[in-house]
Amino acid sequence: MIEVSVMYPYAAGARFDHAYYRDRHMPMMKRLLGAACLYYSVDKGISGRAPESAPAYIAKCEFVCTSVEAYRAASGQHQQEIRGDFANYTDIQPVLLISKVVAERSEV
C-alpha cells in the first residue's frame, strides 16, 4: 500500500478554494483513479508551529493506493483533465510525495 501526498505550500496572496477542492476536485480524482485509490483524505492548513503563524501548507491531500504502478497508470490516463482542473481552485504549484505506508493505526 502506498500514499500519494499532494501538498500546496502557503504563500501570502495565493488563491486556494477549499470548498471546490473538497467538493469537486477530490471526488473527481477518486473517480478517475478508480480501484487504484482505496480512499483519500483532505486537510486544510491552519497554523504553523508558533501560535498565529502561517501554515507551511495551505492544503494537503492523501490518496491511499494499492501500488505506485496502479496510481501512475490510473492518473497517467487523465493528466490533461487533472491538470486542467487546477485553475478552478488554485494558483499554487503543488508538491507531490509518493511513500510506502509502513504503519497505519487507529487504536490509542
Protein backbone atom coordinates (compact mmCIF):
# COMPACT_ATOMS: atom_id res chain seq x y z
CA MET A 1 0.00 0.00 0.00
CA ILE A 2 1.28 3.46 -0.88
CA GLU A 3 0.27 7.01 -0.06
CA VAL A 4 0.37 9.87 -2.51
CA SER A 5 0.60 13.22 -0.71
CA VAL A 6 -0.20 16.36 -2.66
CA MET A 7 0.76 19.46 -0.69
CA TYR A 8 0.09 23.11 -1.55
CA PRO A 9 2.69 25.43 0.04
CA TYR A 10 1.32 28.50 1.78
CA ALA A 11 2.11 31.80 0.06
CA ALA A 12 0.69 35.18 1.04
CA GLY A 13 -1.86 36.25 -1.55
CA ALA A 14 -2.07 32.84 -3.22
CA ARG A 15 -5.52 31.55 -4.13
CA PHE A 16 -6.92 28.24 -2.88
CA ASP A 17 -10.64 27.41 -2.93
CA HIS A 18 -11.01 24.76 -0.21
CA ALA A 19 -14.71 24.13 -0.89
CA TYR A 20 -14.11 23.45 -4.58
CA TYR A 21 -11.10 21.23 -3.79
CA ARG A 22 -13.04 19.19 -1.21
CA ASP A 23 -16.40 19.01 -3.02
CA ARG A 24 -15.44 18.85 -6.70
CA HIS A 25 -11.76 18.14 -7.38
CA MET A 26 -11.21 15.32 -4.91
CA PRO A 27 -14.36 13.34 -5.84
CA MET A 28 -13.29 13.75 -9.49
CA MET A 29 -9.84 12.40 -8.59
CA LYS A 30 -11.35 9.38 -6.79
CA ARG A 31 -13.49 8.67 -9.84
CA LEU A 32 -10.52 8.97 -12.22
CA LEU A 33 -8.21 6.86 -10.06
CA GLY A 34 -10.88 4.20 -9.67
CA ALA A 35 -9.83 0.96 -7.98
CA ALA A 36 -6.22 2.19 -7.66
CA CYS A 37 -7.37 4.56 -4.88
CA LEU A 38 -8.61 2.83 -1.74
CA TYR A 39 -9.54 6.11 -0.02
CA TYR A 40 -8.41 9.71 0.39
CA SER A 41 -8.30 12.48 2.96
CA VAL A 42 -8.19 16.27 2.64
CA ASP A 43 -6.55 18.67 5.12
CA LYS A 44 -6.75 22.46 5.42
CA GLY A 45 -3.66 24.11 6.89
CA ILE A 46 -4.50 26.41 9.81
CA SER A 47 -1.23 27.20 11.60
CA GLY A 48 2.50 26.71 11.75
CA ARG A 49 4.39 25.63 14.87
CA ALA A 50 4.32 29.04 16.53
CA PRO A 51 0.95 30.44 17.66
CA GLU A 52 -0.70 32.55 14.97
CA SER A 53 1.98 31.70 12.38
CA ALA A 54 1.10 30.77 8.81
CA PRO A 55 0.95 27.05 7.98
CA ALA A 56 3.71 25.57 5.82
CA TYR A 57 0.95 24.20 3.57
CA ILE A 58 -2.45 25.76 2.94
CA ALA A 59 -3.88 22.39 1.90
CA LYS A 60 -2.91 18.76 1.56
CA CYS A 61 -4.50 15.56 0.38
CA GLU A 62 -3.53 11.94 0.78
CA PHE A 63 -4.52 9.19 -1.63
CA VAL A 64 -4.06 5.71 -0.21
CA CYS A 65 -3.48 3.50 -3.22
CA THR A 66 -2.86 -0.16 -3.95
CA SER A 67 0.55 0.41 -5.60
CA VAL A 68 2.74 3.00 -7.30
CA GLU A 69 2.16 1.30 -10.63
CA ALA A 70 -1.64 1.34 -10.22
CA TYR A 71 -1.60 5.01 -9.19
CA ARG A 72 0.63 6.03 -12.10
CA ALA A 73 -1.37 4.02 -14.63
CA ALA A 74 -4.69 5.49 -13.45
CA SER A 75 -3.52 9.09 -13.06
CA GLY A 76 -1.44 8.98 -16.25
CA GLN A 77 -4.53 8.33 -18.36
CA HIS A 78 -6.15 11.52 -17.08
CA GLN A 79 -3.31 14.04 -16.74
CA GLN A 80 -4.91 16.60 -19.05
CA GLU A 81 -8.21 16.54 -17.14
CA ILE A 82 -6.47 16.61 -13.74
CA ARG A 83 -4.16 19.50 -14.58
CA GLY A 84 -6.96 21.32 -16.38
CA ASP A 85 -8.93 21.44 -13.13
CA PHE A 86 -6.13 23.13 -11.12
CA ALA A 87 -7.15 26.62 -12.29
CA ASN A 88 -10.61 26.09 -10.79
CA TYR A 89 -9.25 26.05 -7.25
CA THR A 90 -5.66 27.33 -7.02
CA ASP A 91 -2.72 29.20 -8.48
CA ILE A 92 -0.25 27.27 -6.29
CA GLN A 93 2.14 24.67 -7.73
CA PRO A 94 1.68 21.51 -5.64
CA VAL A 95 4.45 19.38 -4.14
CA LEU A 96 3.99 15.62 -4.57
CA LEU A 97 5.35 12.81 -2.40
CA ILE A 98 4.81 9.11 -3.03
CA SER A 99 5.57 6.98 0.02
CA LYS A 100 5.17 3.42 1.23
CA VAL A 101 2.80 3.05 4.18
CA VAL A 102 4.77 1.24 6.89
CA ALA A 103 2.31 1.68 9.78
CA GLU A 104 -1.35 2.57 10.00
CA ARG A 105 -3.10 2.53 13.34
CA SER A 106 -6.33 3.81 14.76
CA GLU A 107 -6.15 2.45 18.31
CA VAL A 108 -4.93 4.56 21.21
